[in-house]
Amino acid sequence: MHSNKHSLSYLLNNTSSSSQGSRTKCDVCGHVFAQTADLRKHIRTVHNGERPFKCDQCGKAFGEKGNLHKHRRSVHLNERPFKCTVCPSAFAFKDGLARHVKLVHDNLRPFKCERCDAAYKQVAQLRKHKQSCGASSSRR
């Protein structure tokens, strides 16, 4: 794999490893890491596509062991430890609960039409609206 321009050894030996203090930057995508070990893991999983952790139930593969454990708990064990305090909804991940609360209970409508004052909870709703929105101040 040494001929692959994105091989781990190539990238670690042939990049400037731009440093900002003790931080290291990936020369492929510019992402900055606090530690060289994190850069190595990033190159292996993101740029080389290595997925050494495989689910024994469905075969899906992951770059990090923690993501495999989250997958097993949420998909195969159907664990939903993050409970909404307002309604019976429960979620596998904390960010799913936070999104739910913002969109459902806080009535957040982050997707706004730039042609009129309409706002929506989901981007798909905004796209559908834009197909029929004929506001006079239309910008395309």
N, C-alpha and C. Protein backbone atom coordinates (compact mmCIF):
# COMPACT_ATOMS: atom_id res chain seq x y z
N MET A 1 0.82 -1.19 0.00
CA MET A 1 0.00 0.00 0.00
C MET A 1 0.87 1.26 0.00
N HIS A 2 2.17 1.09 -0.06
CA HIS A 2 3.06 2.25 -0.02
C HIS A 2 2.92 3.12 -1.26
N SER A 3 2.41 2.57 -2.37
CA SER A 3 2.24 3.38 -3.56
C SER A 3 1.01 4.27 -3.48
N ASN A 4 0.10 3.97 -2.58
CA ASN A 4 -1.10 4.78 -2.40
C ASN A 4 -0.71 6.12 -1.78
N LYS A 5 -1.08 7.20 -2.48
CA LYS A 5 -0.70 8.53 -2.00
C LYS A 5 -1.27 8.84 -0.63
N HIS A 6 -2.38 8.18 -0.24
CA HIS A 6 -3.01 8.44 1.05
C HIS A 6 -2.66 7.37 2.08
N SER A 7 -1.60 6.61 1.84
CA SER A 7 -1.24 5.60 2.83
C SER A 7 -0.75 6.29 4.09
N LEU A 8 -0.96 5.63 5.20
CA LEU A 8 -0.58 6.19 6.49
C LEU A 8 0.90 6.54 6.52
N SER A 9 1.74 5.63 6.07
CA SER A 9 3.18 5.90 6.12
C SER A 9 3.55 7.06 5.21
N TYR A 10 2.95 7.12 4.03
CA TYR A 10 3.23 8.23 3.12
C TYR A 10 2.85 9.56 3.75
N LEU A 11 1.63 9.62 4.27
CA LEU A 11 1.14 10.88 4.82
C LEU A 11 1.94 11.32 6.04
N LEU A 12 2.32 10.38 6.89
CA LEU A 12 3.07 10.76 8.08
C LEU A 12 4.51 11.11 7.78
N ASN A 13 5.07 10.52 6.73
CA ASN A 13 6.46 10.80 6.41
C ASN A 13 6.65 11.90 5.38
N ASN A 14 5.60 12.23 4.61
CA ASN A 14 5.74 13.18 3.53
C ASN A 14 4.81 14.38 3.64
N THR A 15 4.35 14.68 4.83
CA THR A 15 3.54 15.87 5.03
C THR A 15 4.30 16.83 5.92
N SER A 16 3.92 18.06 5.80
CA SER A 16 4.61 19.05 6.63
C SER A 16 4.13 18.99 8.06
N SER A 17 3.02 18.28 8.30
CA SER A 17 2.43 18.18 9.64
C SER A 17 2.41 19.55 10.29
N SER A 18 1.78 20.46 9.60
CA SER A 18 1.70 21.84 10.07
C SER A 18 1.30 21.85 11.52
N SER A 19 2.12 22.46 12.35
CA SER A 19 1.84 22.50 13.77
C SER A 19 1.44 23.88 14.21
N GLN A 20 0.43 23.93 15.05
CA GLN A 20 -0.04 25.17 15.66
C GLN A 20 0.08 24.94 17.15
N GLY A 21 1.22 25.30 17.73
CA GLY A 21 1.46 24.96 19.13
C GLY A 21 1.73 23.47 19.17
N SER A 22 0.95 22.74 19.94
CA SER A 22 1.11 21.28 20.01
C SER A 22 0.08 20.59 19.13
N ARG A 23 -0.61 21.35 18.29
CA ARG A 23 -1.65 20.78 17.43
C ARG A 23 -1.07 20.40 16.07
N THR A 24 -1.59 19.33 15.47
CA THR A 24 -1.11 18.83 14.20
C THR A 24 -2.23 18.87 13.18
N LYS A 25 -1.91 19.30 11.98
CA LYS A 25 -2.91 19.48 10.92
C LYS A 25 -2.77 18.40 9.85
N CYS A 26 -3.90 17.85 9.41
CA CYS A 26 -3.91 16.88 8.32
C CYS A 26 -3.72 17.66 7.01
N ASP A 27 -2.72 17.27 6.24
CA ASP A 27 -2.45 17.95 4.99
C ASP A 27 -3.44 17.58 3.88
N VAL A 28 -4.22 16.54 4.08
CA VAL A 28 -5.20 16.14 3.07
C VAL A 28 -6.45 17.00 3.17
N CYS A 29 -6.97 17.18 4.39
CA CYS A 29 -8.24 17.90 4.54
C CYS A 29 -8.17 19.13 5.42
N GLY A 30 -7.06 19.33 6.11
CA GLY A 30 -6.91 20.51 6.94
C GLY A 30 -7.43 20.39 8.36
N HIS A 31 -7.99 19.25 8.72
CA HIS A 31 -8.50 19.06 10.08
C HIS A 31 -7.33 19.11 11.06
N VAL A 32 -7.54 19.76 12.19
CA VAL A 32 -6.47 19.94 13.18
C VAL A 32 -6.70 19.01 14.37
N PHE A 33 -5.62 18.40 14.85
CA PHE A 33 -5.68 17.45 15.96
C PHE A 33 -4.74 17.88 17.07
N ALA A 34 -5.13 17.56 18.29
CA ALA A 34 -4.31 17.89 19.45
C ALA A 34 -3.11 16.96 19.56
N GLN A 35 -3.25 15.73 19.08
CA GLN A 35 -2.18 14.75 19.22
C GLN A 35 -1.92 14.04 17.91
N THR A 36 -0.68 13.64 17.70
CA THR A 36 -0.31 12.92 16.48
C THR A 36 -1.05 11.59 16.38
N ALA A 37 -1.31 10.94 17.50
CA ALA A 37 -2.05 9.66 17.48
C ALA A 37 -3.45 9.86 16.90
N ASP A 38 -4.07 11.00 17.21
CA ASP A 38 -5.39 11.29 16.65
C ASP A 38 -5.31 11.51 15.15
N LEU A 39 -4.24 12.15 14.69
CA LEU A 39 -4.03 12.34 13.25
C LEU A 39 -3.87 10.99 12.57
N ARG A 40 -3.08 10.09 13.17
CA ARG A 40 -2.89 8.76 12.59
C ARG A 40 -4.21 8.01 12.45
N LYS A 41 -5.02 8.05 13.52
CA LYS A 41 -6.33 7.37 13.48
C LYS A 41 -7.22 7.99 12.40
N HIS A 42 -7.20 9.30 12.30
CA HIS A 42 -7.97 10.03 11.30
C HIS A 42 -7.57 9.60 9.88
N ILE A 43 -6.28 9.55 9.61
CA ILE A 43 -5.81 9.15 8.28
C ILE A 43 -6.24 7.73 7.96
N ARG A 44 -6.08 6.83 8.94
CA ARG A 44 -6.47 5.42 8.72
C ARG A 44 -7.96 5.29 8.41
N THR A 45 -8.80 5.93 9.22
CA THR A 45 -10.23 5.70 9.08
C THR A 45 -10.90 6.60 8.04
N VAL A 46 -10.48 7.85 7.94
CA VAL A 46 -11.14 8.77 7.01
C VAL A 46 -10.54 8.69 5.61
N HIS A 47 -9.24 8.81 5.49
CA HIS A 47 -8.62 8.88 4.17
C HIS A 47 -8.30 7.51 3.58
N ASN A 48 -7.97 6.53 4.41
CA ASN A 48 -7.70 5.19 3.90
C ASN A 48 -8.93 4.29 3.95
N GLY A 49 -9.95 4.72 4.67
CA GLY A 49 -11.19 3.94 4.74
C GLY A 49 -11.09 2.66 5.54
N GLU A 50 -10.11 2.55 6.43
CA GLU A 50 -9.97 1.33 7.23
C GLU A 50 -11.13 1.22 8.21
N ARG A 51 -11.74 0.05 8.28
CA ARG A 51 -12.84 -0.23 9.19
C ARG A 51 -12.60 -1.58 9.84
N PRO A 52 -11.67 -1.64 10.80
CA PRO A 52 -11.29 -2.95 11.36
C PRO A 52 -12.27 -3.54 12.37
N PHE A 53 -13.25 -2.77 12.84
CA PHE A 53 -14.17 -3.27 13.86
C PHE A 53 -15.50 -3.63 13.21
N LYS A 54 -15.76 -4.94 13.13
CA LYS A 54 -16.91 -5.45 12.39
C LYS A 54 -17.97 -5.99 13.33
N CYS A 55 -19.23 -5.65 13.08
CA CYS A 55 -20.35 -6.14 13.88
C CYS A 55 -20.57 -7.62 13.57
N ASP A 56 -20.61 -8.43 14.61
CA ASP A 56 -20.79 -9.87 14.41
C ASP A 56 -22.23 -10.24 14.09
N GLN A 57 -23.16 -9.29 14.20
CA GLN A 57 -24.56 -9.59 13.91
C GLN A 57 -24.98 -9.21 12.49
N CYS A 58 -24.46 -8.09 11.98
CA CYS A 58 -24.90 -7.64 10.64
C CYS A 58 -23.75 -7.40 9.67
N GLY A 59 -22.52 -7.42 10.16
CA GLY A 59 -21.38 -7.26 9.29
C GLY A 59 -20.94 -5.82 9.02
N LYS A 60 -21.68 -4.85 9.52
CA LYS A 60 -21.29 -3.46 9.31
C LYS A 60 -19.96 -3.20 10.01
N ALA A 61 -19.07 -2.46 9.33
CA ALA A 61 -17.73 -2.24 9.86
C ALA A 61 -17.53 -0.78 10.26
N PHE A 62 -16.67 -0.57 11.25
CA PHE A 62 -16.43 0.76 11.81
C PHE A 62 -14.94 1.02 11.96
N GLY A 63 -14.58 2.28 11.91
CA GLY A 63 -13.20 2.68 12.08
C GLY A 63 -12.77 2.75 13.52
N GLU A 64 -13.74 2.89 14.42
CA GLU A 64 -13.43 2.99 15.84
C GLU A 64 -14.28 2.01 16.64
N LYS A 65 -13.67 1.43 17.66
CA LYS A 65 -14.36 0.45 18.50
C LYS A 65 -15.58 1.05 19.19
N GLY A 66 -15.47 2.29 19.64
CA GLY A 66 -16.58 2.96 20.31
C GLY A 66 -17.81 3.08 19.41
N ASN A 67 -17.58 3.32 18.12
CA ASN A 67 -18.72 3.42 17.19
C ASN A 67 -19.38 2.07 16.98
N LEU A 68 -18.60 0.99 17.02
CA LEU A 68 -19.17 -0.35 16.95
C LEU A 68 -20.06 -0.61 18.17
N HIS A 69 -19.59 -0.23 19.35
CA HIS A 69 -20.38 -0.44 20.57
C HIS A 69 -21.68 0.37 20.52
N LYS A 70 -21.61 1.61 20.07
CA LYS A 70 -22.82 2.44 19.93
C LYS A 70 -23.80 1.80 18.95
N HIS A 71 -23.26 1.28 17.84
CA HIS A 71 -24.09 0.61 16.83
C HIS A 71 -24.82 -0.59 17.43
N ARG A 72 -24.09 -1.44 18.13
CA ARG A 72 -24.71 -2.63 18.73
C ARG A 72 -25.84 -2.24 19.70
N ARG A 73 -25.54 -1.24 20.56
CA ARG A 73 -26.54 -0.84 21.56
C ARG A 73 -27.78 -0.23 20.90
N SER A 74 -27.59 0.62 19.91
CA SER A 74 -28.73 1.32 19.34
C SER A 74 -29.49 0.49 18.31
N VAL A 75 -28.78 -0.31 17.52
CA VAL A 75 -29.43 -1.06 16.45
C VAL A 75 -29.89 -2.44 16.90
N HIS A 76 -29.00 -3.22 17.50
CA HIS A 76 -29.33 -4.61 17.81
C HIS A 76 -29.99 -4.79 19.19
N LEU A 77 -29.62 -3.95 20.13
CA LEU A 77 -30.23 -4.04 21.46
C LEU A 77 -31.36 -3.04 21.63
N ASN A 78 -31.51 -2.17 20.65
CA ASN A 78 -32.56 -1.14 20.65
C ASN A 78 -32.56 -0.30 21.92
N GLU A 79 -31.37 -0.04 22.43
CA GLU A 79 -31.27 0.79 23.64
C GLU A 79 -31.55 2.24 23.30
N ARG A 80 -32.36 2.88 24.12
CA ARG A 80 -32.72 4.29 23.95
C ARG A 80 -32.59 4.96 25.32
N PRO A 81 -31.35 5.19 25.78
CA PRO A 81 -31.16 5.70 27.14
C PRO A 81 -31.48 7.19 27.32
N PHE A 82 -31.60 7.94 26.23
CA PHE A 82 -31.84 9.38 26.35
C PHE A 82 -33.33 9.66 26.20
N LYS A 83 -33.98 9.89 27.34
CA LYS A 83 -35.44 10.06 27.40
C LYS A 83 -35.83 11.53 27.41
N CYS A 84 -36.88 11.82 26.67
CA CYS A 84 -37.43 13.18 26.67
C CYS A 84 -38.22 13.37 27.95
N THR A 85 -38.06 14.52 28.58
CA THR A 85 -38.78 14.79 29.83
C THR A 85 -40.17 15.37 29.58
N VAL A 86 -40.49 15.67 28.32
CA VAL A 86 -41.78 16.27 28.00
C VAL A 86 -42.75 15.25 27.42
N CYS A 87 -42.25 14.31 26.64
CA CYS A 87 -43.10 13.31 26.00
C CYS A 87 -42.44 11.93 26.12
N PRO A 88 -43.09 10.87 25.65
CA PRO A 88 -42.52 9.52 25.81
C PRO A 88 -41.36 9.17 24.88
N SER A 89 -40.93 10.06 24.02
CA SER A 89 -39.86 9.75 23.07
C SER A 89 -38.54 9.44 23.78
N ALA A 90 -37.77 8.54 23.17
CA ALA A 90 -36.46 8.18 23.69
C ALA A 90 -35.51 7.98 22.51
N PHE A 91 -34.23 8.21 22.75
CA PHE A 91 -33.27 8.22 21.67
C PHE A 91 -32.00 7.46 22.03
N ALA A 92 -31.34 6.94 21.02
CA ALA A 92 -30.11 6.18 21.21
C ALA A 92 -28.95 7.11 21.53
N PHE A 93 -29.01 8.33 21.02
CA PHE A 93 -27.91 9.25 21.18
C PHE A 93 -28.36 10.59 21.74
N LYS A 94 -27.49 11.21 22.49
CA LYS A 94 -27.78 12.48 23.14
C LYS A 94 -28.14 13.57 22.14
N ASP A 95 -27.43 13.60 21.00
CA ASP A 95 -27.72 14.63 20.01
C ASP A 95 -29.10 14.44 19.38
N GLY A 96 -29.57 13.21 19.31
CA GLY A 96 -30.92 12.95 18.81
C GLY A 96 -31.98 13.53 19.74
N LEU A 97 -31.77 13.39 21.03
CA LEU A 97 -32.69 13.97 22.01
C LEU A 97 -32.66 15.49 21.92
N ALA A 98 -31.47 16.06 21.83
CA ALA A 98 -31.35 17.52 21.75
C ALA A 98 -32.06 18.06 20.50
N ARG A 99 -31.88 17.39 19.36
CA ARG A 99 -32.55 17.80 18.12
C ARG A 99 -34.07 17.71 18.28
N HIS A 100 -34.55 16.62 18.88
CA HIS A 100 -35.98 16.42 19.12
C HIS A 100 -36.56 17.57 19.96
N VAL A 101 -35.90 17.88 21.07
CA VAL A 101 -36.41 18.93 21.96
C VAL A 101 -36.47 20.27 21.23
N LYS A 102 -35.43 20.60 20.49
CA LYS A 102 -35.41 21.87 19.76
C LYS A 102 -36.51 21.94 18.70
N LEU A 103 -36.65 20.87 17.93
CA LEU A 103 -37.60 20.90 16.82
C LEU A 103 -39.05 20.69 17.25
N VAL A 104 -39.28 19.85 18.24
CA VAL A 104 -40.65 19.51 18.62
C VAL A 104 -41.15 20.39 19.76
N HIS A 105 -40.39 20.48 20.82
CA HIS A 105 -40.89 21.17 22.01
C HIS A 105 -40.54 22.66 22.04
N ASP A 106 -39.40 23.04 21.48
CA ASP A 106 -39.05 24.45 21.44
C ASP A 106 -39.59 25.12 20.18
N ASN A 107 -40.18 24.33 19.29
CA ASN A 107 -40.75 24.81 18.03
C ASN A 107 -39.73 25.57 17.19
N LEU A 108 -38.50 25.13 17.25
CA LEU A 108 -37.43 25.74 16.46
C LEU A 108 -37.67 25.43 14.98
N ARG A 109 -37.54 26.44 14.15
CA ARG A 109 -37.71 26.29 12.70
C ARG A 109 -36.48 26.90 12.02
N PRO A 110 -35.40 26.13 11.95
CA PRO A 110 -34.14 26.69 11.46
C PRO A 110 -34.03 26.84 9.94
N PHE A 111 -34.93 26.21 9.19
CA PHE A 111 -34.84 26.25 7.73
C PHE A 111 -35.78 27.31 7.19
N LYS A 112 -35.22 28.46 6.81
CA LYS A 112 -36.01 29.63 6.44
C LYS A 112 -35.96 29.86 4.93
N CYS A 113 -37.10 30.24 4.38
CA CYS A 113 -37.19 30.58 2.97
C CYS A 113 -36.66 32.00 2.79
N GLU A 114 -35.74 32.15 1.83
CA GLU A 114 -35.20 33.48 1.60
C GLU A 114 -36.11 34.32 0.71
N ARG A 115 -37.19 33.72 0.19
CA ARG A 115 -38.13 34.44 -0.67
C ARG A 115 -39.30 35.04 0.10
N CYS A 116 -39.60 34.42 1.25
CA CYS A 116 -40.74 34.90 2.05
C CYS A 116 -40.42 34.68 3.53
N ASP A 117 -41.39 34.80 4.39
CA ASP A 117 -41.15 34.65 5.82
C ASP A 117 -41.35 33.23 6.35
N ALA A 118 -41.60 32.28 5.47
CA ALA A 118 -41.86 30.91 5.91
C ALA A 118 -40.61 30.27 6.51
N ALA A 119 -40.81 29.44 7.54
CA ALA A 119 -39.72 28.72 8.18
C ALA A 119 -40.20 27.32 8.54
N TYR A 120 -39.29 26.35 8.48
CA TYR A 120 -39.65 24.95 8.66
C TYR A 120 -38.69 24.23 9.60
N LYS A 121 -39.19 23.12 10.12
CA LYS A 121 -38.41 22.30 11.05
C LYS A 121 -37.41 21.43 10.31
N GLN A 122 -37.74 21.04 9.09
CA GLN A 122 -36.89 20.12 8.34
C GLN A 122 -36.57 20.70 6.97
N VAL A 123 -35.39 20.41 6.45
CA VAL A 123 -34.97 20.94 5.16
C VAL A 123 -35.87 20.42 4.03
N ALA A 124 -36.38 19.20 4.16
CA ALA A 124 -37.27 18.67 3.13
C ALA A 124 -38.56 19.49 3.02
N GLN A 125 -39.06 19.97 4.15
CA GLN A 125 -40.25 20.82 4.14
C GLN A 125 -39.97 22.13 3.42
N LEU A 126 -38.80 22.70 3.65
CA LEU A 126 -38.41 23.94 2.98
C LEU A 126 -38.29 23.72 1.48
N ARG A 127 -37.68 22.62 1.07
CA ARG A 127 -37.54 22.33 -0.36
C ARG A 127 -38.91 22.24 -1.04
N LYS A 128 -39.83 21.56 -0.39
CA LYS A 128 -41.18 21.43 -0.95
C LYS A 128 -41.85 22.80 -1.06
N HIS A 129 -41.70 23.61 -0.04
CA HIS A 129 -42.26 24.96 -0.03
C HIS A 129 -41.69 25.78 -1.19
N LYS A 130 -40.39 25.70 -1.40
CA LYS A 130 -39.73 26.50 -2.43
C LYS A 130 -40.24 26.18 -3.83
N GLN A 131 -40.73 24.96 -4.02
CA GLN A 131 -41.26 24.59 -5.33
C GLN A 131 -42.49 25.40 -5.70
N SER A 132 -43.23 25.83 -4.69
CA SER A 132 -44.46 26.58 -4.97
C SER A 132 -44.42 28.02 -4.46
N CYS A 133 -43.32 28.43 -3.85
CA CYS A 133 -43.24 29.79 -3.31
C CYS A 133 -43.03 30.77 -4.45
N GLY A 134 -43.94 31.71 -4.55
CA GLY A 134 -43.83 32.71 -5.61
C GLY A 134 -43.74 34.11 -5.04
N ALA A 135 -43.11 34.25 -3.89
CA ALA A 135 -42.99 35.57 -3.27
C ALA A 135 -42.32 36.54 -4.24
N SER A 136 -42.78 37.78 -4.26
CA SER A 136 -42.30 38.74 -5.25
C SER A 136 -40.83 39.09 -5.10
N SER A 137 -40.27 38.92 -3.92
CA SER A 137 -38.84 39.23 -3.72
C SER A 137 -37.99 37.98 -3.91
N SER A 138 -38.33 37.21 -4.94
CA SER A 138 -37.65 35.93 -5.13
C SER A 138 -36.21 36.10 -5.56
N ARG A 139 -35.31 35.30 -4.91
CA ARG A 139 -33.89 35.25 -5.26
C ARG A 139 -33.58 33.81 -5.61
N ARG A 140 -33.10 33.56 -6.78
CA ARG A 140 -32.76 32.18 -7.17
C ARG A 140 -31.34 32.03 -7.47
